[in-house]
PDB file of all heavy atoms in Angstrom:
ATOM      1  N   TYR A   1     -78.422 -71.986 -84.993  1.00  0.00           N
ATOM      2  CA  TYR A   1     -79.453 -71.726 -83.981  1.00  0.00           C
ATOM      3  C   TYR A   1     -80.305 -72.972 -83.755  1.00  0.00           C
ATOM      4  O   TYR A   1     -80.539 -73.397 -82.616  1.00  0.00           O
ATOM      5  CB  TYR A   1     -80.315 -70.544 -84.424  1.00  0.00           C
ATOM      6  CG  TYR A   1     -81.655 -70.467 -83.737  1.00  0.00           C
ATOM      7  CD1 TYR A   1     -81.749 -70.080 -82.402  1.00  0.00           C
ATOM      8  CD2 TYR A   1     -82.825 -70.775 -84.418  1.00  0.00           C
ATOM      9  CE1 TYR A   1     -82.980 -70.004 -81.763  1.00  0.00           C
ATOM     10  CE2 TYR A   1     -84.045 -70.705 -83.790  1.00  0.00           C
ATOM     11  CZ  TYR A   1     -84.122 -70.328 -82.472  1.00  0.00           C
ATOM     12  OH  TYR A   1     -85.341 -70.256 -81.848  1.00  0.00           O
ATOM     13  N   THR A   2     -80.750 -73.588 -84.834  1.00  0.00           N
ATOM     14  CA  THR A   2     -81.584 -74.780 -84.723  1.00  0.00           C
ATOM     15  C   THR A   2     -80.838 -75.901 -84.016  1.00  0.00           C
ATOM     16  O   THR A   2     -81.391 -76.563 -83.135  1.00  0.00           O
ATOM     17  CB  THR A   2     -82.049 -75.232 -86.123  1.00  0.00           C
ATOM     18  OG1 THR A   2     -82.870 -74.195 -86.686  1.00  0.00           O
ATOM     19  CG2 THR A   2     -82.866 -76.513 -86.061  1.00  0.00           C
ATOM     20  N   ALA A   3     -79.592 -76.103 -84.365  1.00  0.00           N
ATOM     21  CA  ALA A   3     -78.802 -77.169 -83.718  1.00  0.00           C
ATOM     22  C   ALA A   3     -78.620 -76.892 -82.227  1.00  0.00           C
ATOM     23  O   ALA A   3     -78.761 -77.800 -81.406  1.00  0.00           O
ATOM     24  CB  ALA A   3     -77.445 -77.292 -84.405  1.00  0.00           C
ATOM     25  N   MET A   4     -78.316 -75.635 -81.864  1.00  0.00           N
ATOM     26  CA  MET A   4     -78.142 -75.286 -80.454  1.00  0.00           C
ATOM     27  C   MET A   4     -79.417 -75.515 -79.663  1.00  0.00           C
ATOM     28  O   MET A   4     -79.390 -76.076 -78.577  1.00  0.00           O
ATOM     29  CB  MET A   4     -77.755 -73.806 -80.314  1.00  0.00           C
ATOM     30  CG  MET A   4     -76.320 -73.489 -80.609  1.00  0.00           C
ATOM     31  SD  MET A   4     -75.917 -71.769 -80.158  1.00  0.00           S
ATOM     32  CE  MET A   4     -76.627 -70.873 -81.530  1.00  0.00           C
ATOM     33  N   ARG A   5     -80.520 -75.070 -80.191  1.00  0.00           N
ATOM     34  CA  ARG A   5     -81.786 -75.143 -79.468  1.00  0.00           C
ATOM     35  C   ARG A   5     -82.332 -76.566 -79.413  1.00  0.00           C
ATOM     36  O   ARG A   5     -82.929 -76.963 -78.434  1.00  0.00           O
ATOM     37  CB  ARG A   5     -82.820 -74.200 -80.083  1.00  0.00           C
ATOM     38  CG  ARG A   5     -82.434 -72.749 -79.964  1.00  0.00           C
ATOM     39  CD  ARG A   5     -82.113 -72.321 -78.540  1.00  0.00           C
ATOM     40  NE  ARG A   5     -83.286 -72.434 -77.701  1.00  0.00           N
ATOM     41  CZ  ARG A   5     -83.277 -72.902 -76.456  1.00  0.00           C
ATOM     42  NH1 ARG A   5     -82.164 -73.303 -75.893  1.00  0.00           N
ATOM     43  NH2 ARG A   5     -84.390 -72.976 -75.752  1.00  0.00           N
ATOM     44  N   ARG A   6     -82.147 -77.332 -80.453  1.00  0.00           N
ATOM     45  CA  ARG A   6     -82.697 -78.693 -80.488  1.00  0.00           C
ATOM     46  C   ARG A   6     -82.169 -79.514 -79.311  1.00  0.00           C
ATOM     47  O   ARG A   6     -82.932 -80.199 -78.642  1.00  0.00           O
ATOM     48  CB  ARG A   6     -82.361 -79.357 -81.820  1.00  0.00           C
ATOM     49  CG  ARG A   6     -82.889 -80.735 -81.944  1.00  0.00           C
ATOM     50  CD  ARG A   6     -84.098 -80.988 -82.793  1.00  0.00           C
ATOM     51  NE  ARG A   6     -84.344 -80.127 -83.903  1.00  0.00           N
ATOM     52  CZ  ARG A   6     -85.556 -79.592 -84.130  1.00  0.00           C
ATOM     53  NH1 ARG A   6     -86.543 -79.818 -83.330  1.00  0.00           N
ATOM     54  NH2 ARG A   6     -85.750 -78.828 -85.177  1.00  0.00           N
ATOM     55  N   ARG A   7     -80.870 -79.439 -79.053  1.00  0.00           N
ATOM     56  CA  ARG A   7     -80.284 -80.214 -77.943  1.00  0.00           C
ATOM     57  C   ARG A   7     -80.908 -79.842 -76.604  1.00  0.00           C
ATOM     58  O   ARG A   7     -81.170 -80.691 -75.776  1.00  0.00           O
ATOM     59  CB  ARG A   7     -78.772 -80.011 -77.910  1.00  0.00           C
ATOM     60  CG  ARG A   7     -78.041 -80.665 -79.054  1.00  0.00           C
ATOM     61  CD  ARG A   7     -76.537 -80.643 -78.842  1.00  0.00           C
ATOM     62  NE  ARG A   7     -76.000 -79.296 -78.742  1.00  0.00           N
ATOM     63  CZ  ARG A   7     -75.517 -78.598 -79.775  1.00  0.00           C
ATOM     64  NH1 ARG A   7     -75.491 -79.115 -80.970  1.00  0.00           N
ATOM     65  NH2 ARG A   7     -75.032 -77.392 -79.589  1.00  0.00           N
ATOM     66  N   HIS A   8     -81.118 -78.564 -76.394  1.00  0.00           N
ATOM     67  CA  HIS A   8     -81.672 -78.089 -75.120  1.00  0.00           C
ATOM     68  C   HIS A   8     -83.167 -78.413 -75.018  1.00  0.00           C
ATOM     69  O   HIS A   8     -83.645 -78.840 -73.966  1.00  0.00           O
ATOM     70  CB  HIS A   8     -81.431 -76.580 -75.030  1.00  0.00           C
ATOM     71  CG  HIS A   8     -81.800 -75.974 -73.715  1.00  0.00           C
ATOM     72  ND1 HIS A   8     -82.223 -74.678 -73.619  1.00  0.00           N
ATOM     73  CD2 HIS A   8     -81.808 -76.448 -72.455  1.00  0.00           C
ATOM     74  CE1 HIS A   8     -82.474 -74.379 -72.360  1.00  0.00           C
ATOM     75  NE2 HIS A   8     -82.235 -75.441 -71.626  1.00  0.00           N
ATOM     76  N   LEU A   9     -83.890 -78.236 -76.088  1.00  0.00           N
ATOM     77  CA  LEU A   9     -85.340 -78.389 -76.061  1.00  0.00           C
ATOM     78  C   LEU A   9     -85.810 -79.830 -76.015  1.00  0.00           C
ATOM     79  O   LEU A   9     -86.920 -80.094 -75.552  1.00  0.00           O
ATOM     80  CB  LEU A   9     -85.956 -77.690 -77.267  1.00  0.00           C
ATOM     81  CG  LEU A   9     -85.890 -76.171 -77.175  1.00  0.00           C
ATOM     82  CD1 LEU A   9     -86.129 -75.542 -78.525  1.00  0.00           C
ATOM     83  CD2 LEU A   9     -86.887 -75.675 -76.156  1.00  0.00           C
ATOM     84  N   ASP A  10     -85.002 -80.760 -76.471  1.00  0.00           N
ATOM     85  CA  ASP A  10     -85.410 -82.168 -76.432  1.00  0.00           C
ATOM     86  C   ASP A  10     -85.851 -82.568 -75.035  1.00  0.00           C
ATOM     87  O   ASP A  10     -86.858 -83.247 -74.852  1.00  0.00           O
ATOM     88  CB  ASP A  10     -84.286 -83.091 -76.913  1.00  0.00           C
ATOM     89  CG  ASP A  10     -84.105 -83.076 -78.408  1.00  0.00           C
ATOM     90  OD1 ASP A  10     -84.998 -82.563 -79.122  1.00  0.00           O
ATOM     91  OD2 ASP A  10     -83.064 -83.588 -78.876  1.00  0.00           O
ATOM     92  N   TYR A  11     -85.093 -82.163 -74.038  1.00  0.00           N
ATOM     93  CA  TYR A  11     -85.407 -82.509 -72.642  1.00  0.00           C
ATOM     94  C   TYR A  11     -86.747 -81.911 -72.225  1.00  0.00           C
ATOM     95  O   TYR A  11     -87.583 -82.578 -71.617  1.00  0.00           O
ATOM     96  CB  TYR A  11     -84.293 -82.034 -71.725  1.00  0.00           C
ATOM     97  CG  TYR A  11     -84.643 -82.134 -70.258  1.00  0.00           C
ATOM     98  CD1 TYR A  11     -84.791 -83.371 -69.646  1.00  0.00           C
ATOM     99  CD2 TYR A  11     -84.831 -80.995 -69.486  1.00  0.00           C
ATOM    100  CE1 TYR A  11     -85.112 -83.474 -68.314  1.00  0.00           C
ATOM    101  CE2 TYR A  11     -85.145 -81.089 -68.151  1.00  0.00           C
ATOM    102  CZ  TYR A  11     -85.296 -82.326 -67.561  1.00  0.00           C
ATOM    103  OH  TYR A  11     -85.619 -82.413 -66.234  1.00  0.00           O
ATOM    104  N   TYR A  12     -86.972 -80.631 -72.526  1.00  0.00           N
ATOM    105  CA  TYR A  12     -88.202 -79.961 -72.083  1.00  0.00           C
ATOM    106  C   TYR A  12     -89.436 -80.509 -72.803  1.00  0.00           C
ATOM    107  O   TYR A  12     -90.499 -80.615 -72.202  1.00  0.00           O
ATOM    108  CB  TYR A  12     -88.063 -78.445 -72.244  1.00  0.00           C
ATOM    109  CG  TYR A  12     -87.115 -77.917 -71.204  1.00  0.00           C
ATOM    110  CD1 TYR A  12     -85.760 -77.816 -71.471  1.00  0.00           C
ATOM    111  CD2 TYR A  12     -87.564 -77.602 -69.948  1.00  0.00           C
ATOM    112  CE1 TYR A  12     -84.878 -77.398 -70.490  1.00  0.00           C
ATOM    113  CE2 TYR A  12     -86.690 -77.178 -68.955  1.00  0.00           C
ATOM    114  CZ  TYR A  12     -85.353 -77.081 -69.244  1.00  0.00           C
ATOM    115  OH  TYR A  12     -84.481 -76.688 -68.263  1.00  0.00           O
ATOM    116  N   GLN A  13     -89.283 -80.873 -74.052  1.00  0.00           N
ATOM    117  CA  GLN A  13     -90.419 -81.447 -74.759  1.00  0.00           C
ATOM    118  C   GLN A  13     -90.725 -82.852 -74.235  1.00  0.00           C
ATOM    119  O   GLN A  13     -91.884 -83.233 -74.097  1.00  0.00           O
ATOM    120  CB  GLN A  13     -90.185 -81.421 -76.257  1.00  0.00           C
ATOM    121  CG  GLN A  13     -90.240 -79.982 -76.757  1.00  0.00           C
ATOM    122  CD  GLN A  13     -89.954 -79.828 -78.222  1.00  0.00           C
ATOM    123  OE1 GLN A  13     -89.173 -80.563 -78.794  1.00  0.00           O
ATOM    124  NE2 GLN A  13     -90.600 -78.854 -78.820  1.00  0.00           N
ATOM    125  N   LEU A  14     -89.711 -83.620 -73.891  1.00  0.00           N
ATOM    126  CA  LEU A  14     -89.922 -84.934 -73.285  1.00  0.00           C
ATOM    127  C   LEU A  14     -90.575 -84.785 -71.910  1.00  0.00           C
ATOM    128  O   LEU A  14     -91.542 -85.494 -71.590  1.00  0.00           O
ATOM    129  CB  LEU A  14     -88.589 -85.685 -73.155  1.00  0.00           C
ATOM    130  CG  LEU A  14     -88.660 -87.030 -72.428  1.00  0.00           C
ATOM    131  CD1 LEU A  14     -89.500 -88.011 -73.234  1.00  0.00           C
ATOM    132  CD2 LEU A  14     -87.273 -87.578 -72.190  1.00  0.00           C
ATOM    133  N   ALA A  15     -90.082 -83.855 -71.117  1.00  0.00           N
ATOM    134  CA  ALA A  15     -90.654 -83.644 -69.781  1.00  0.00           C
ATOM    135  C   ALA A  15     -92.102 -83.206 -69.853  1.00  0.00           C
ATOM    136  O   ALA A  15     -92.949 -83.670 -69.080  1.00  0.00           O
ATOM    137  CB  ALA A  15     -89.826 -82.597 -69.020  1.00  0.00           C
ATOM    138  N   THR A  16     -92.428 -82.331 -70.793  1.00  0.00           N
ATOM    139  CA  THR A  16     -93.811 -81.870 -70.889  1.00  0.00           C
ATOM    140  C   THR A  16     -94.730 -83.013 -71.338  1.00  0.00           C
ATOM    141  O   THR A  16     -95.840 -83.145 -70.844  1.00  0.00           O
ATOM    142  CB  THR A  16     -93.937 -80.629 -71.792  1.00  0.00           C
ATOM    143  OG1 THR A  16     -95.150 -79.969 -71.478  1.00  0.00           O
ATOM    144  CG2 THR A  16     -93.907 -80.929 -73.252  1.00  0.00           C
ATOM    145  N   ARG A  17     -94.253 -83.874 -72.244  1.00  0.00           N
ATOM    146  CA  ARG A  17     -95.066 -85.028 -72.650  1.00  0.00           C
ATOM    147  C   ARG A  17     -95.280 -85.989 -71.484  1.00  0.00           C
ATOM    148  O   ARG A  17     -96.357 -86.553 -71.330  1.00  0.00           O
ATOM    149  CB  ARG A  17     -94.409 -85.769 -73.809  1.00  0.00           C
ATOM    150  CG  ARG A  17     -94.664 -85.144 -75.139  1.00  0.00           C
ATOM    151  CD  ARG A  17     -94.137 -86.014 -76.276  1.00  0.00           C
ATOM    152  NE  ARG A  17     -93.590 -85.146 -77.295  1.00  0.00           N
ATOM    153  CZ  ARG A  17     -92.306 -84.961 -77.543  1.00  0.00           C
ATOM    154  NH1 ARG A  17     -91.391 -85.614 -76.880  1.00  0.00           N
ATOM    155  NH2 ARG A  17     -91.925 -84.129 -78.462  1.00  0.00           N
ATOM    156  N   ALA A  18     -94.265 -86.170 -70.668  1.00  0.00           N
ATOM    157  CA  ALA A  18     -94.370 -87.103 -69.541  1.00  0.00           C
ATOM    158  C   ALA A  18     -95.245 -86.549 -68.422  1.00  0.00           C
ATOM    159  O   ALA A  18     -95.983 -87.303 -67.792  1.00  0.00           O
ATOM    160  CB  ALA A  18     -92.973 -87.428 -69.013  1.00  0.00           C
ATOM    161  N   LEU A  19     -95.178 -85.242 -68.165  1.00  0.00           N
ATOM    162  CA  LEU A  19     -95.890 -84.668 -67.032  1.00  0.00           C
ATOM    163  C   LEU A  19     -97.317 -84.222 -67.338  1.00  0.00           C
ATOM    164  O   LEU A  19     -98.133 -84.111 -66.413  1.00  0.00           O
ATOM    165  CB  LEU A  19     -95.097 -83.482 -66.471  1.00  0.00           C
ATOM    166  CG  LEU A  19     -93.758 -83.833 -65.845  1.00  0.00           C
ATOM    167  CD1 LEU A  19     -93.034 -82.575 -65.425  1.00  0.00           C
ATOM    168  CD2 LEU A  19     -93.948 -84.774 -64.664  1.00  0.00           C
ATOM    169  N   THR A  20     -97.623 -83.955 -68.580  1.00  0.00           N
ATOM    170  CA  THR A  20     -98.952 -83.465 -68.916  1.00  0.00           C
ATOM    171  C   THR A  20    -100.072 -84.359 -68.406  1.00  0.00           C
ATOM    172  O   THR A  20    -101.040 -83.853 -67.831  1.00  0.00           O
ATOM    173  CB  THR A  20     -99.073 -83.228 -70.441  1.00  0.00           C
ATOM    174  OG1 THR A  20     -98.179 -82.161 -70.780  1.00  0.00           O
ATOM    175  CG2 THR A  20    -100.486 -82.834 -70.844  1.00  0.00           C
ATOM    176  N   PRO A  21     -99.995 -85.678 -68.555  1.00  0.00           N
ATOM    177  CA  PRO A  21    -101.096 -86.509 -68.025  1.00  0.00           C
ATOM    178  C   PRO A  21    -101.281 -86.373 -66.512  1.00  0.00           C
ATOM    179  O   PRO A  21    -102.395 -86.529 -66.005  1.00  0.00           O
ATOM    180  CB  PRO A  21    -100.674 -87.940 -68.387  1.00  0.00           C
ATOM    181  CG  PRO A  21     -99.742 -87.791 -69.530  1.00  0.00           C
ATOM    182  CD  PRO A  21     -99.028 -86.480 -69.297  1.00  0.00           C
ATOM    183  N   LEU A  22    -100.210 -86.070 -65.777  1.00  0.00           N
ATOM    184  CA  LEU A  22    -100.332 -85.910 -64.330  1.00  0.00           C
ATOM    185  C   LEU A  22    -101.084 -84.633 -63.954  1.00  0.00           C
ATOM    186  O   LEU A  22    -101.701 -84.553 -62.898  1.00  0.00           O
ATOM    187  CB  LEU A  22     -98.943 -85.891 -63.677  1.00  0.00           C
ATOM    188  CG  LEU A  22     -98.137 -87.173 -63.780  1.00  0.00           C
ATOM    189  CD1 LEU A  22     -96.736 -86.953 -63.267  1.00  0.00           C
ATOM    190  CD2 LEU A  22     -98.813 -88.306 -63.028  1.00  0.00           C
ATOM    191  N   PHE A  23    -101.020 -83.611 -64.816  1.00  0.00           N
ATOM    192  CA  PHE A  23    -101.629 -82.326 -64.509  1.00  0.00           C
ATOM    193  C   PHE A  23    -102.917 -82.053 -65.277  1.00  0.00           C
ATOM    194  O   PHE A  23    -103.709 -81.238 -64.850  1.00  0.00           O
ATOM    195  CB  PHE A  23    -100.626 -81.186 -64.783  1.00  0.00           C
ATOM    196  CG  PHE A  23     -99.522 -81.133 -63.788  1.00  0.00           C
ATOM    197  CD1 PHE A  23     -98.350 -81.862 -63.986  1.00  0.00           C
ATOM    198  CD2 PHE A  23     -99.632 -80.371 -62.643  1.00  0.00           C
ATOM    199  CE1 PHE A  23     -97.330 -81.821 -63.054  1.00  0.00           C
ATOM    200  CE2 PHE A  23     -98.614 -80.329 -61.710  1.00  0.00           C
ATOM    201  CZ  PHE A  23     -97.453 -81.050 -61.911  1.00  0.00           C
ATOM    202  N   GLN A  24    -103.088 -82.689 -66.422  1.00  0.00           N
ATOM    203  CA  GLN A  24    -104.238 -82.388 -67.277  1.00  0.00           C
ATOM    204  C   GLN A  24    -104.998 -83.656 -67.623  1.00  0.00           C
ATOM    205  O   GLN A  24    -105.218 -83.957 -68.788  1.00  0.00           O
ATOM    206  CB  GLN A  24    -103.766 -81.673 -68.542  1.00  0.00           C
ATOM    207  CG  GLN A  24    -103.093 -80.363 -68.247  1.00  0.00           C
ATOM    208  CD  GLN A  24    -102.514 -79.708 -69.476  1.00  0.00           C
ATOM    209  OE1 GLN A  24    -102.708 -80.155 -70.598  1.00  0.00           O
ATOM    210  NE2 GLN A  24    -101.788 -78.625 -69.292  1.00  0.00           N
ATOM    211  N   SER A  25    -105.393 -84.364 -66.608  1.00  0.00           N
ATOM    212  CA  SER A  25    -106.090 -85.618 -66.811  1.00  0.00           C
ATOM    213  C   SER A  25    -107.262 -85.696 -65.849  1.00  0.00           C
ATOM    214  O   SER A  25    -107.248 -85.085 -64.778  1.00  0.00           O
ATOM    215  CB  SER A  25    -105.130 -86.790 -66.547  1.00  0.00           C
ATOM    216  OG  SER A  25    -105.839 -88.009 -66.520  1.00  0.00           O
ATOM    217  N   ASP A  26    -108.277 -86.446 -66.220  1.00  0.00           N
ATOM    218  CA  ASP A  26    -109.404 -86.682 -65.337  1.00  0.00           C
ATOM    219  C   ASP A  26    -109.153 -87.868 -64.407  1.00  0.00           C
ATOM    220  O   ASP A  26    -109.993 -88.201 -63.584  1.00  0.00           O
ATOM    221  CB  ASP A  26    -110.678 -86.937 -66.155  1.00  0.00           C
ATOM    222  CG  ASP A  26    -111.122 -85.699 -66.916  1.00  0.00           C
ATOM    223  OD1 ASP A  26    -110.834 -84.586 -66.453  1.00  0.00           O
ATOM    224  OD2 ASP A  26    -111.759 -85.860 -67.971  1.00  0.00           O
ATOM    225  N   SER A  27    -108.008 -88.510 -64.547  1.00  0.00           N
ATOM    226  CA  SER A  27    -107.684 -89.696 -63.755  1.00  0.00           C
ATOM    227  C   SER A  27    -107.405 -89.325 -62.291  1.00  0.00           C
ATOM    228  O   SER A  27    -106.511 -88.535 -62.014  1.00  0.00           O
ATOM    229  CB  SER A  27    -106.458 -90.404 -64.337  1.00  0.00           C
ATOM    230  OG  SER A  27    -106.013 -91.398 -63.460  1.00  0.00           O
ATOM    231  N   ARG A  28    -108.138 -89.919 -61.405  1.00  0.00           N
ATOM    232  CA  ARG A  28    -107.908 -89.694 -59.976  1.00  0.00           C
ATOM    233  C   ARG A  28    -106.593 -90.338 -59.533  1.00  0.00           C
ATOM    234  O   ARG A  28    -105.913 -89.838 -58.656  1.00  0.00           O
ATOM    235  CB  ARG A  28    -109.067 -90.250 -59.156  1.00  0.00           C
ATOM    236  CG  ARG A  28    -110.312 -89.438 -59.313  1.00  0.00           C
ATOM    237  CD  ARG A  28    -111.421 -89.981 -58.474  1.00  0.00           C
ATOM    238  NE  ARG A  28    -112.621 -89.226 -58.747  1.00  0.00           N
ATOM    239  CZ  ARG A  28    -113.627 -89.147 -57.924  1.00  0.00           C
ATOM    240  NH1 ARG A  28    -113.585 -89.789 -56.779  1.00  0.00           N
ATOM    241  NH2 ARG A  28    -114.680 -88.444 -58.248  1.00  0.00           N
ATOM    242  N   VAL A  29    -106.247 -91.453 -60.152  1.00  0.00           N
ATOM    243  CA  VAL A  29    -105.010 -92.152 -59.800  1.00  0.00           C
ATOM    244  C   VAL A  29    -103.796 -91.277 -60.142  1.00  0.00           C
ATOM    245  O   VAL A  29    -102.879 -91.133 -59.326  1.00  0.00           O
ATOM    246  CB  VAL A  29    -104.920 -93.523 -60.502  1.00  0.00           C
ATOM    247  CG1 VAL A  29    -103.569 -94.167 -60.281  1.00  0.00           C
ATOM    248  CG2 VAL A  29    -106.044 -94.433 -60.032  1.00  0.00           C
ATOM    249  N   LEU A  30    -103.787 -90.702 -61.345  1.00  0.00           N
ATOM    250  CA  LEU A  30    -102.662 -89.852 -61.727  1.00  0.00           C
ATOM    251  C   LEU A  30    -102.579 -88.604 -60.847  1.00  0.00           C
ATOM    252  O   LEU A  30    -101.498 -88.175 -60.472  1.00  0.00           O
ATOM    253  CB  LEU A  30    -102.759 -89.465 -63.206  1.00  0.00           C
ATOM    254  CG  LEU A  30    -102.544 -90.601 -64.203  1.00  0.00           C
ATOM    255  CD1 LEU A  30    -102.732 -90.109 -65.621  1.00  0.00           C
ATOM    256  CD2 LEU A  30    -101.176 -91.236 -64.030  1.00  0.00           C
ATOM    257  N   GLY A  31    -103.730 -88.031 -60.521  1.00  0.00           N
ATOM    258  CA  GLY A  31    -103.745 -86.865 -59.632  1.00  0.00           C
ATOM    259  C   GLY A  31    -103.229 -87.226 -58.243  1.00  0.00           C
ATOM    260  O   GLY A  31    -102.456 -86.476 -57.640  1.00  0.00           O
ATOM    261  N   TRP A  32    -103.644 -88.367 -57.739  1.00  0.00           N
ATOM    262  CA  TRP A  32    -103.175 -88.829 -56.430  1.00  0.00           C
ATOM    263  C   TRP A  32    -101.665 -89.059 -56.456  1.00  0.00           C
ATOM    264  O   TRP A  32    -100.947 -88.645 -55.537  1.00  0.00           O
ATOM    265  CB  TRP A  32    -103.912 -90.118 -56.055  1.00  0.00           C
ATOM    266  CG  TRP A  32    -103.410 -90.749 -54.806  1.00  0.00           C
ATOM    267  CD1 TRP A  32    -103.743 -90.421 -53.529  1.00  0.00           C
ATOM    268  CD2 TRP A  32    -102.466 -91.810 -54.709  1.00  0.00           C
ATOM    269  NE1 TRP A  32    -103.068 -91.214 -52.642  1.00  0.00           N
ATOM    270  CE2 TRP A  32    -102.259 -92.086 -53.341  1.00  0.00           C
ATOM    271  CE3 TRP A  32    -101.762 -92.559 -55.646  1.00  0.00           C
ATOM    272  CZ2 TRP A  32    -101.408 -93.068 -52.892  1.00  0.00           C
ATOM    273  CZ3 TRP A  32    -100.895 -93.542 -55.198  1.00  0.00           C
ATOM    274  CH2 TRP A  32    -100.733 -93.780 -53.840  1.00  0.00           C
ATOM    275  N   LEU A  33    -101.172 -89.700 -57.509  1.00  0.00           N
ATOM    276  CA  LEU A  33     -99.746 -89.976 -57.658  1.00  0.00           C
ATOM    277  C   LEU A  33     -98.948 -88.665 -57.696  1.00  0.00           C
ATOM    278  O   LEU A  33     -97.949 -88.509 -57.012  1.00  0.00           O
ATOM    279  CB  LEU A  33     -99.490 -90.794 -58.922  1.00  0.00           C
ATOM    280  CG  LEU A  33     -98.060 -91.182 -59.213  1.00  0.00           C
ATOM    281  CD1 LEU A  33     -97.541 -92.114 -58.119  1.00  0.00           C
ATOM    282  CD2 LEU A  33     -97.982 -91.859 -60.571  1.00  0.00           C
ATOM    283  N   ARG A  34     -99.430 -87.702 -58.474  1.00  0.00           N
ATOM    284  CA  ARG A  34     -98.760 -86.395 -58.566  1.00  0.00           C
ATOM    285  C   ARG A  34     -98.713 -85.717 -57.200  1.00  0.00           C
ATOM    286  O   ARG A  34     -97.675 -85.213 -56.776  1.00  0.00           O
ATOM    287  CB  ARG A  34     -99.528 -85.511 -59.555  1.00  0.00           C
ATOM    288  CG  ARG A  34     -99.016 -84.086 -59.626  1.00  0.00           C
ATOM    289  CD  ARG A  34    -100.050 -83.126 -60.198  1.00  0.00           C
ATOM    290  NE  ARG A  34    -101.201 -83.061 -59.320  1.00  0.00           N
ATOM    291  CZ  ARG A  34    -102.466 -83.015 -59.736  1.00  0.00           C
ATOM    292  NH1 ARG A  34    -102.763 -83.052 -61.010  1.00  0.00           N
ATOM    293  NH2 ARG A  34    -103.463 -82.954 -58.874  1.00  0.00           N
ATOM    294  N   ASP A  35     -99.840 -85.717 -56.492  1.00  0.00           N
ATOM    295  CA  ASP A  35     -99.912 -85.042 -55.203  1.00  0.00           C
ATOM    296  C   ASP A  35     -99.079 -85.736 -54.126  1.00  0.00           C
ATOM    297  O   ASP A  35     -98.674 -85.114 -53.150  1.00  0.00           O
ATOM    298  CB  ASP A  35    -101.368 -84.936 -54.744  1.00  0.00           C
ATOM    299  CG  ASP A  35    -102.189 -84.010 -55.632  1.00  0.00           C
ATOM    300  OD1 ASP A  35    -101.579 -83.244 -56.414  1.00  0.00           O
ATOM    301  OD2 ASP A  35    -103.429 -84.052 -55.552  1.00  0.00           O
ATOM    302  N   LEU A  36     -98.785 -86.996 -54.307  1.00  0.00           N
ATOM    303  CA  LEU A  36     -97.950 -87.731 -53.374  1.00  0.00           C
ATOM    304  C   LEU A  36     -96.473 -87.542 -53.681  1.00  0.00           C
ATOM    305  O   LEU A  36     -95.671 -87.223 -52.795  1.00  0.00           O
ATOM    306  CB  LEU A  36     -98.304 -89.222 -53.425  1.00  0.00           C
ATOM    307  CG  LEU A  36     -97.443 -90.147 -52.563  1.00  0.00           C
ATOM    308  CD1 LEU A  36     -97.763 -89.922 -51.090  1.00  0.00           C
ATOM    309  CD2 LEU A  36     -97.676 -91.595 -52.961  1.00  0.00           C
ATOM    310  N   VAL A  37     -96.097 -87.694 -54.946  1.00  0.00           N
ATOM    311  CA  VAL A  37     -94.684 -87.714 -55.344  1.00  0.00           C
ATOM    312  C   VAL A  37     -94.062 -86.319 -55.396  1.00  0.00           C
ATOM    313  O   VAL A  37     -92.957 -86.115 -54.888  1.00  0.00           O
ATOM    314  CB  VAL A  37     -94.512 -88.441 -56.690  1.00  0.00           C
ATOM    315  CG1 VAL A  37     -93.097 -88.288 -57.216  1.00  0.00           C
ATOM    316  CG2 VAL A  37     -94.888 -89.909 -56.544  1.00  0.00           C
TER     317      VAL A  37
END
């Protein structure tokens, strides 16, 4: 179970780390970039 899930979850954990600053930041630049892209 752990081996099966680890392969699948690696992507989602990477994506959440990459996207969190765009959605949960006080930065106007990151918010502007998110709303544009």
